[in-house]
PDB file of N, CA and C in Angstrom:
ATOM      1  N   MET A   1      28.884 -19.362  -4.572  1.00  0.00           N
ATOM      2  CA  MET A   1      28.293 -20.632  -4.046  1.00  0.00           C
ATOM      3  C   MET A   1      27.221 -21.109  -5.348  1.00  0.00           C
ATOM      4  N   LYS A   2      27.007 -22.048  -5.633  1.00  0.00           N
ATOM      5  CA  LYS A   2      26.316 -22.527  -6.428  1.00  0.00           C
ATOM      6  C   LYS A   2      24.540 -22.814  -6.158  1.00  0.00           C
ATOM      7  N   LYS A   3      23.752 -22.319  -7.033  1.00  0.00           N
ATOM      8  CA  LYS A   3      22.222 -22.821  -6.779  1.00  0.00           C
ATOM      9  C   LYS A   3      22.098 -23.854  -7.743  1.00  0.00           C
ATOM     10  N   PHE A   4      21.141 -24.650  -7.297  1.00  0.00           N
ATOM     11  CA  PHE A   4      20.776 -25.587  -8.146  1.00  0.00           C
ATOM     12  C   PHE A   4      19.171 -25.920  -8.446  1.00  0.00           C
ATOM     13  N   LYS A   5      18.587 -26.244  -9.565  1.00  0.00           N
ATOM     14  CA  LYS A   5      17.253 -26.351 -10.027  1.00  0.00           C
ATOM     15  C   LYS A   5      16.943 -27.460 -10.769  1.00  0.00           C
ATOM     16  N   ILE A   6      15.869 -28.100 -10.239  1.00  0.00           N
ATOM     17  CA  ILE A   6      15.550 -29.439 -10.959  1.00  0.00           C
ATOM     18  C   ILE A   6      14.332 -29.284 -11.558  1.00  0.00           C
ATOM     19  N   VAL A   7      14.150 -30.014 -12.908  1.00  0.00           N
ATOM     20  CA  VAL A   7      13.365 -29.911 -13.730  1.00  0.00           C
ATOM     21  C   VAL A   7      13.192 -31.284 -13.964  1.00  0.00           C
ATOM     22  N   GLU A   8      11.974 -31.799 -14.022  1.00  0.00           N
ATOM     23  CA  GLU A   8      11.163 -33.122 -14.180  1.00  0.00           C
ATOM     24  C   GLU A   8      11.320 -33.266 -15.876  1.00  0.00           C
ATOM     25  N   GLY A   9      11.915 -34.415 -16.513  1.00  0.00           N
ATOM     26  CA  GLY A   9      11.762 -34.221 -17.861  1.00  0.00           C
ATOM     27  C   GLY A   9      10.251 -35.160 -18.038  1.00  0.00           C
ATOM     28  N   PRO A  10      10.002 -35.148 -19.518  1.00  0.00           N
ATOM     29  CA  PRO A  10       9.187 -35.796 -20.056  1.00  0.00           C
ATOM     30  C   PRO A  10       8.639 -37.190 -19.781  1.00  0.00           C
ATOM     31  N   LYS A  11       7.707 -37.721 -19.403  1.00  0.00           N
ATOM     32  CA  LYS A  11       7.436 -39.288 -18.821  1.00  0.00           C
ATOM     33  C   LYS A  11       6.528 -40.003 -20.045  1.00  0.00           C
ATOM     34  N   ASN A  12       6.638 -40.928 -20.540  1.00  0.00           N
ATOM     35  CA  ASN A  12       6.069 -42.116 -21.438  1.00  0.00           C
ATOM     36  C   ASN A  12       5.979 -41.462 -22.779  1.00  0.00           C
ATOM     37  N   ILE A  13       7.257 -41.316 -23.347  1.00  0.00           N
ATOM     38  CA  ILE A  13       7.414 -40.752 -24.262  1.00  0.00           C
ATOM     39  C   ILE A  13       6.840 -41.871 -25.400  1.00  0.00           C
ATOM     40  N   VAL A  14       5.885 -41.410 -26.620  1.00  0.00           N
ATOM     41  CA  VAL A  14       5.464 -42.183 -27.643  1.00  0.00           C
ATOM     42  C   VAL A  14       5.738 -41.516 -28.987  1.00  0.00           C
ATOM     43  N   VAL A  15       6.633 -42.165 -29.957  1.00  0.00           N
ATOM     44  CA  VAL A  15       6.790 -41.639 -31.093  1.00  0.00           C
ATOM     45  C   VAL A  15       6.672 -42.624 -32.048  1.00  0.00           C
ATOM     46  N   GLY A  16       6.532 -42.021 -33.070  1.00  0.00           N
ATOM     47  CA  GLY A  16       6.039 -42.923 -34.226  1.00  0.00           C
ATOM     48  C   GLY A  16       7.469 -43.997 -34.854  1.00  0.00           C
ATOM     49  N   LYS A  17       7.187 -44.852 -35.467  1.00  0.00           N
ATOM     50  CA  LYS A  17       8.587 -45.745 -35.831  1.00  0.00           C
ATOM     51  C   LYS A  17       9.638 -44.989 -36.767  1.00  0.00           C
ATOM     52  N   GLY A  18      11.009 -44.954 -36.352  1.00  0.00           N
ATOM     53  CA  GLY A  18      11.734 -44.480 -36.788  1.00  0.00           C
ATOM     54  C   GLY A  18      11.769 -42.954 -36.601  1.00  0.00           C
ATOM     55  N   ASN A  19      11.051 -42.716 -35.379  1.00  0.00           N
ATOM     56  CA  ASN A  19      11.228 -41.366 -34.963  1.00  0.00           C
ATOM     57  C   ASN A  19      11.847 -40.715 -33.679  1.00  0.00           C
ATOM     58  N   SER A  20      12.916 -41.732 -33.286  1.00  0.00           N
ATOM     59  CA  SER A  20      13.133 -41.521 -31.869  1.00  0.00           C
ATOM     60  C   SER A  20      13.853 -40.146 -31.772  1.00  0.00           C
ATOM     61  N   GLU A  21      14.275 -39.221 -32.846  1.00  0.00           N
ATOM     62  CA  GLU A  21      14.692 -38.001 -32.688  1.00  0.00           C
ATOM     63  C   GLU A  21      13.710 -37.178 -31.984  1.00  0.00           C
ATOM     64  N   ALA A  22      12.676 -37.215 -32.400  1.00  0.00           N
ATOM     65  CA  ALA A  22      11.624 -36.839 -31.769  1.00  0.00           C
ATOM     66  C   ALA A  22      11.243 -36.689 -30.123  1.00  0.00           C
ATOM     67  N   ALA A  23      11.629 -38.286 -29.425  1.00  0.00           N
ATOM     68  CA  ALA A  23      11.880 -38.018 -28.343  1.00  0.00           C
ATOM     69  C   ALA A  23      13.069 -37.052 -27.714  1.00  0.00           C
ATOM     70  N   LEU A  24      14.105 -37.344 -28.353  1.00  0.00           N
ATOM     71  CA  LEU A  24      15.079 -36.362 -27.802  1.00  0.00           C
ATOM     72  C   LEU A  24      15.111 -35.028 -28.285  1.00  0.00           C
ATOM     73  N   LYS A  25      14.503 -34.397 -28.995  1.00  0.00           N
ATOM     74  CA  LYS A  25      14.105 -33.334 -28.766  1.00  0.00           C
ATOM     75  C   LYS A  25      13.227 -32.412 -27.893  1.00  0.00           C
ATOM     76  N   LEU A  26      12.518 -33.266 -27.140  1.00  0.00           N
ATOM     77  CA  LEU A  26      11.703 -32.956 -25.902  1.00  0.00           C
ATOM     78  C   LEU A  26      12.768 -32.766 -24.938  1.00  0.00           C
ATOM     79  N   PHE A  27      13.801 -33.511 -24.616  1.00  0.00           N
ATOM     80  CA  PHE A  27      15.007 -33.296 -23.812  1.00  0.00           C
ATOM     81  C   PHE A  27      15.551 -31.789 -24.103  1.00  0.00           C
ATOM     82  N   GLU A  28      15.911 -31.558 -25.375  1.00  0.00           N
ATOM     83  CA  GLU A  28      16.640 -30.429 -25.959  1.00  0.00           C
ATOM     84  C   GLU A  28      15.991 -29.559 -25.586  1.00  0.00           C
ATOM     85  N   ASP A  29      14.672 -29.052 -26.100  1.00  0.00           N
ATOM     86  CA  ASP A  29      13.800 -28.037 -25.745  1.00  0.00           C
ATOM     87  C   ASP A  29      13.906 -27.477 -24.302  1.00  0.00           C
ATOM     88  N   ILE A  30      14.057 -28.510 -23.141  1.00  0.00           N
ATOM     89  CA  ILE A  30      13.681 -28.191 -21.983  1.00  0.00           C
ATOM     90  C   ILE A  30      15.222 -27.744 -21.390  1.00  0.00           C
ATOM     91  N   ILE A  31      16.257 -28.357 -22.086  1.00  0.00           N
ATOM     92  CA  ILE A  31      17.733 -27.880 -21.637  1.00  0.00           C
ATOM     93  C   ILE A  31      17.786 -26.501 -22.383  1.00  0.00           C
ATOM     94  N   ASN A  32      17.331 -26.403 -23.484  1.00  0.00           N
ATOM     95  CA  ASN A  32      17.710 -25.141 -24.231  1.00  0.00           C
ATOM     96  C   ASN A  32      16.872 -23.737 -23.437  1.00  0.00           C
ATOM     97  N   LYS A  33      15.681 -24.294 -22.845  1.00  0.00           N
ATOM     98  CA  LYS A  33      14.587 -23.322 -22.409  1.00  0.00           C
ATOM     99  C   LYS A  33      15.473 -22.685 -21.013  1.00  0.00           C
ATOM    100  N   GLU A  34      15.994 -23.633 -20.374  1.00  0.00           N
ATOM    101  CA  GLU A  34      16.635 -23.328 -19.057  1.00  0.00           C
ATOM    102  C   GLU A  34      17.913 -22.538 -19.192  1.00  0.00           C
ATOM    103  N   VAL A  35      18.933 -22.701 -20.128  1.00  0.00           N
ATOM    104  CA  VAL A  35      19.849 -22.365 -20.606  1.00  0.00           C
ATOM    105  C   VAL A  35      19.606 -20.989 -20.928  1.00  0.00           C
ATOM    106  N   ASN A  36      18.674 -20.354 -21.538  1.00  0.00           N
ATOM    107  CA  ASN A  36      18.211 -19.168 -22.132  1.00  0.00           C
ATOM    108  C   ASN A  36      17.862 -18.110 -20.916  1.00  0.00           C
ATOM    109  N   GLN A  37      17.470 -18.898 -20.001  1.00  0.00           N
ATOM    110  CA  GLN A  37      17.080 -18.238 -18.492  1.00  0.00           C
ATOM    111  C   GLN A  37      18.241 -18.349 -17.827  1.00  0.00           C
ATOM    112  N   GLY A  38      19.468 -18.240 -17.969  1.00  0.00           N
ATOM    113  CA  GLY A  38      20.655 -18.365 -17.226  1.00  0.00           C
ATOM    114  C   GLY A  38      21.140 -19.564 -16.508  1.00  0.00           C
ATOM    115  N   TRP A  39      20.820 -20.555 -16.911  1.00  0.00           N
ATOM    116  CA  TRP A  39      20.759 -21.754 -15.861  1.00  0.00           C
ATOM    117  C   TRP A  39      22.073 -22.667 -17.014  1.00  0.00           C
ATOM    118  N   GLU A  40      22.618 -23.235 -16.077  1.00  0.00           N
ATOM    119  CA  GLU A  40      23.822 -24.278 -16.844  1.00  0.00           C
ATOM    120  C   GLU A  40      23.572 -25.563 -16.518  1.00  0.00           C
ATOM    121  N   TYR A  41      23.627 -26.424 -17.588  1.00  0.00           N
ATOM    122  CA  TYR A  41      22.984 -27.527 -17.947  1.00  0.00           C
ATOM    123  C   TYR A  41      23.979 -28.603 -16.615  1.00  0.00           C
ATOM    124  N   HIS A  42      23.601 -29.380 -15.992  1.00  0.00           N
ATOM    125  CA  HIS A  42      24.391 -30.018 -15.094  1.00  0.00           C
ATOM    126  C   HIS A  42      24.779 -31.642 -15.384  1.00  0.00           C
ATOM    127  N   SER A  43      23.138 -32.370 -15.312  1.00  0.00           N
ATOM    128  CA  SER A  43      23.232 -33.463 -15.699  1.00  0.00           C
ATOM    129  C   SER A  43      21.864 -34.300 -15.728  1.00  0.00           C
ATOM    130  N   MET A  44      21.511 -35.068 -16.240  1.00  0.00           N
ATOM    131  CA  MET A  44      20.304 -35.915 -15.925  1.00  0.00           C
ATOM    132  C   MET A  44      20.383 -37.116 -15.072  1.00  0.00           C
ATOM    133  N   GLU A  45      19.544 -37.346 -14.347  1.00  0.00           N
ATOM    134  CA  GLU A  45      19.137 -38.558 -13.315  1.00  0.00           C
ATOM    135  C   GLU A  45      17.871 -39.202 -13.124  1.00  0.00           C
ATOM    136  N   THR A  46      18.024 -40.403 -13.221  1.00  0.00           N
ATOM    137  CA  THR A  46      16.646 -41.286 -12.951  1.00  0.00           C
ATOM    138  C   THR A  46      16.452 -41.494 -11.550  1.00  0.00           C
ATOM    139  N   ILE A  47      15.305 -41.416 -11.220  1.00  0.00           N
ATOM    140  CA  ILE A  47      14.988 -41.746  -9.758  1.00  0.00           C
ATOM    141  C   ILE A  47      13.669 -42.708  -9.845  1.00  0.00           C
ATOM    142  N   ALA A  48      13.584 -43.260  -8.876  1.00  0.00           N
ATOM    143  CA  ALA A  48      12.349 -44.538  -8.910  1.00  0.00           C
ATOM    144  C   ALA A  48      11.726 -43.708  -7.459  1.00  0.00           C
ATOM    145  N   ILE A  49      10.311 -43.668  -7.956  1.00  0.00           N
ATOM    146  CA  ILE A  49       9.567 -43.103  -7.004  1.00  0.00           C
ATOM    147  C   ILE A  49       8.365 -44.205  -6.564  1.00  0.00           C
ATOM    148  N   THR A  50       8.346 -44.472  -5.329  1.00  0.00           N
ATOM    149  CA  THR A  50       7.306 -45.538  -5.013  1.00  0.00           C
ATOM    150  C   THR A  50       5.914 -45.081  -4.545  1.00  0.00           C
ATOM    151  N   GLU A  51       4.743 -45.138  -4.950  1.00  0.00           N
ATOM    152  CA  GLU A  51       3.433 -44.614  -4.420  1.00  0.00           C
ATOM    153  C   GLU A  51       2.819 -45.549  -3.962  1.00  0.00           C
ATOM    154  N   LYS A  52       2.473 -45.410  -2.622  1.00  0.00           N
ATOM    155  CA  LYS A  52       1.125 -46.355  -1.851  1.00  0.00           C
ATOM    156  C   LYS A  52       0.393 -45.857  -1.933  1.00  0.00           C
ATOM    157  N   PRO A  53      -0.756 -46.690  -2.994  1.00  0.00           N
ATOM    158  CA  PRO A  53      -2.091 -46.018  -3.194  1.00  0.00           C
ATOM    159  C   PRO A  53      -2.923 -46.492  -2.220  1.00  0.00           C
ATOM    160  N   GLY A  54      -3.170 -47.287  -1.541  1.00  0.00           N
ATOM    161  CA  GLY A  54      -4.084 -47.664  -0.465  1.00  0.00           C
ATOM    162  C   GLY A  54      -3.756 -48.781   0.319  1.00  0.00           C
ATOM    163  N   CYS A  55      -4.919 -49.183   1.140  1.00  0.00           N
ATOM    164  CA  CYS A  55      -4.382 -50.409   2.175  1.00  0.00           C
ATOM    165  C   CYS A  55      -4.055 -51.589   1.411  1.00  0.00           C
ATOM    166  N   PHE A  56      -5.227 -51.960   0.384  1.00  0.00           N
ATOM    167  CA  PHE A  56      -4.914 -53.605   0.055  1.00  0.00           C
ATOM    168  C   PHE A  56      -4.353 -53.361  -1.368  1.00  0.00           C
ATOM    169  N   GLN A  57      -3.668 -52.025  -1.998  1.00  0.00           N
ATOM    170  CA  GLN A  57      -3.054 -52.105  -3.176  1.00  0.00           C
ATOM    171  C   GLN A  57      -1.566 -52.383  -3.174  1.00  0.00           C
ATOM    172  N   GLN A  58      -1.073 -52.744  -4.140  1.00  0.00           N
ATOM    173  CA  GLN A  58       0.360 -52.866  -4.011  1.00  0.00           C
ATOM    174  C   GLN A  58       1.215 -51.368  -4.682  1.00  0.00           C
ATOM    175  N   PRO A  59       1.996 -51.229  -3.617  1.00  0.00           N
ATOM    176  CA  PRO A  59       2.887 -50.374  -4.170  1.00  0.00           C
ATOM    177  C   PRO A  59       3.191 -49.951  -5.661  1.00  0.00           C
ATOM    178  N   VAL A  60       3.207 -48.828  -6.373  1.00  0.00           N
ATOM    179  CA  VAL A  60       3.449 -48.596  -7.819  1.00  0.00           C
ATOM    180  C   VAL A  60       4.783 -47.878  -7.835  1.00  0.00           C
ATOM    181  N   VAL A  61       5.600 -48.438  -8.369  1.00  0.00           N
ATOM    182  CA  VAL A  61       6.965 -47.836  -8.974  1.00  0.00           C
ATOM    183  C   VAL A  61       7.178 -46.927 -10.077  1.00  0.00           C
ATOM    184  N   ARG A  62       7.390 -45.826  -9.927  1.00  0.00           N
ATOM    185  CA  ARG A  62       7.632 -44.975 -11.534  1.00  0.00           C
ATOM    186  C   ARG A  62       8.888 -44.454 -11.545  1.00  0.00           C
ATOM    187  N   TYR A  63       9.450 -44.191 -12.775  1.00  0.00           N
ATOM    188  CA  TYR A  63      10.821 -43.563 -13.065  1.00  0.00           C
ATOM    189  C   TYR A  63      10.463 -42.383 -13.637  1.00  0.00           C
ATOM    190  N   SER A  64      11.442 -41.634 -13.012  1.00  0.00           N
ATOM    191  CA  SER A  64      11.290 -40.118 -13.359  1.00  0.00           C
ATOM    192  C   SER A  64      12.570 -39.635 -13.652  1.00  0.00           C
ATOM    193  N   TYR A  65      12.907 -38.649 -14.624  1.00  0.00           N
ATOM    194  CA  TYR A  65      13.940 -38.110 -15.306  1.00  0.00           C
ATOM    195  C   TYR A  65      14.104 -36.661 -14.316  1.00  0.00           C
ATOM    196  N   MET A  66      15.307 -36.485 -14.054  1.00  0.00           N
ATOM    197  CA  MET A  66      15.468 -35.262 -13.171  1.00  0.00           C
ATOM    198  C   MET A  66      16.701 -34.539 -14.151  1.00  0.00           C
ATOM    199  N   LEU A  67      16.151 -33.286 -14.461  1.00  0.00           N
ATOM    200  CA  LEU A  67      17.305 -32.550 -15.377  1.00  0.00           C
ATOM    201  C   LEU A  67      17.865 -31.618 -14.733  1.00  0.00           C
ATOM    202  N   ILE A  68      19.073 -31.241 -14.064  1.00  0.00           N
ATOM    203  CA  ILE A  68      19.733 -30.699 -12.854  1.00  0.00           C
ATOM    204  C   ILE A  68      20.214 -29.689 -13.899  1.00  0.00           C
ATOM    205  N   PHE A  69      20.150 -28.334 -13.080  1.00  0.00           N
ATOM    206  CA  PHE A  69      20.722 -27.241 -13.705  1.00  0.00           C
ATOM    207  C   PHE A  69      21.358 -26.473 -12.477  1.00  0.00           C
ATOM    208  N   TYR A  70      22.303 -25.295 -12.797  1.00  0.00           N
ATOM    209  CA  TYR A  70      22.831 -24.618 -11.736  1.00  0.00           C
ATOM    210  C   TYR A  70      23.428 -23.257 -12.426  1.00  0.00           C
ATOM    211  N   LYS A  71      23.606 -22.283 -11.324  1.00  0.00           N
ATOM    212  CA  LYS A  71      24.017 -21.108 -11.857  1.00  0.00           C
ATOM    213  C   LYS A  71      24.891 -20.572 -10.493  1.00  0.00           C
ATOM    214  N   GLU A  72      25.792 -19.529 -10.765  1.00  0.00           N
ATOM    215  CA  GLU A  72      26.183 -19.032  -9.639  1.00  0.00           C
ATOM    216  C   GLU A  72      25.667 -17.950  -9.052  1.00  0.00           C
ATOM    217  N   GLU A  73      25.454 -17.967  -7.664  1.00  0.00           N
ATOM    218  CA  GLU A  73      24.728 -17.135  -6.900  1.00  0.00           C
ATOM    219  C   GLU A  73      25.778 -16.023  -6.478  1.00  0.00           C
ATOM    220  N   ARG A  74      25.272 -14.924  -6.461  1.00  0.00           N
ATOM    221  CA  ARG A  74      26.171 -13.680  -5.788  1.00  0.00           C
ATOM    222  C   ARG A  74      25.798 -13.460  -4.679  1.00  0.00           C
TER     223      ARG A  74
END
């Protein structure tokens, strides 16, 4: 049986001009950390989360990256 783990990826990544590799490195570091702890990388999904702040305010939608890992459970 597989056991799954969800890790939220970085949000609002800001890098200098011509340095998009720094953004990719953030995801690489998360994946490597989890793999070193025995998890296998499965996929990355984007989800929309709608927050309802208050009575007279409009709902706010934010997008989040979910990095999905799994391991076989014995």
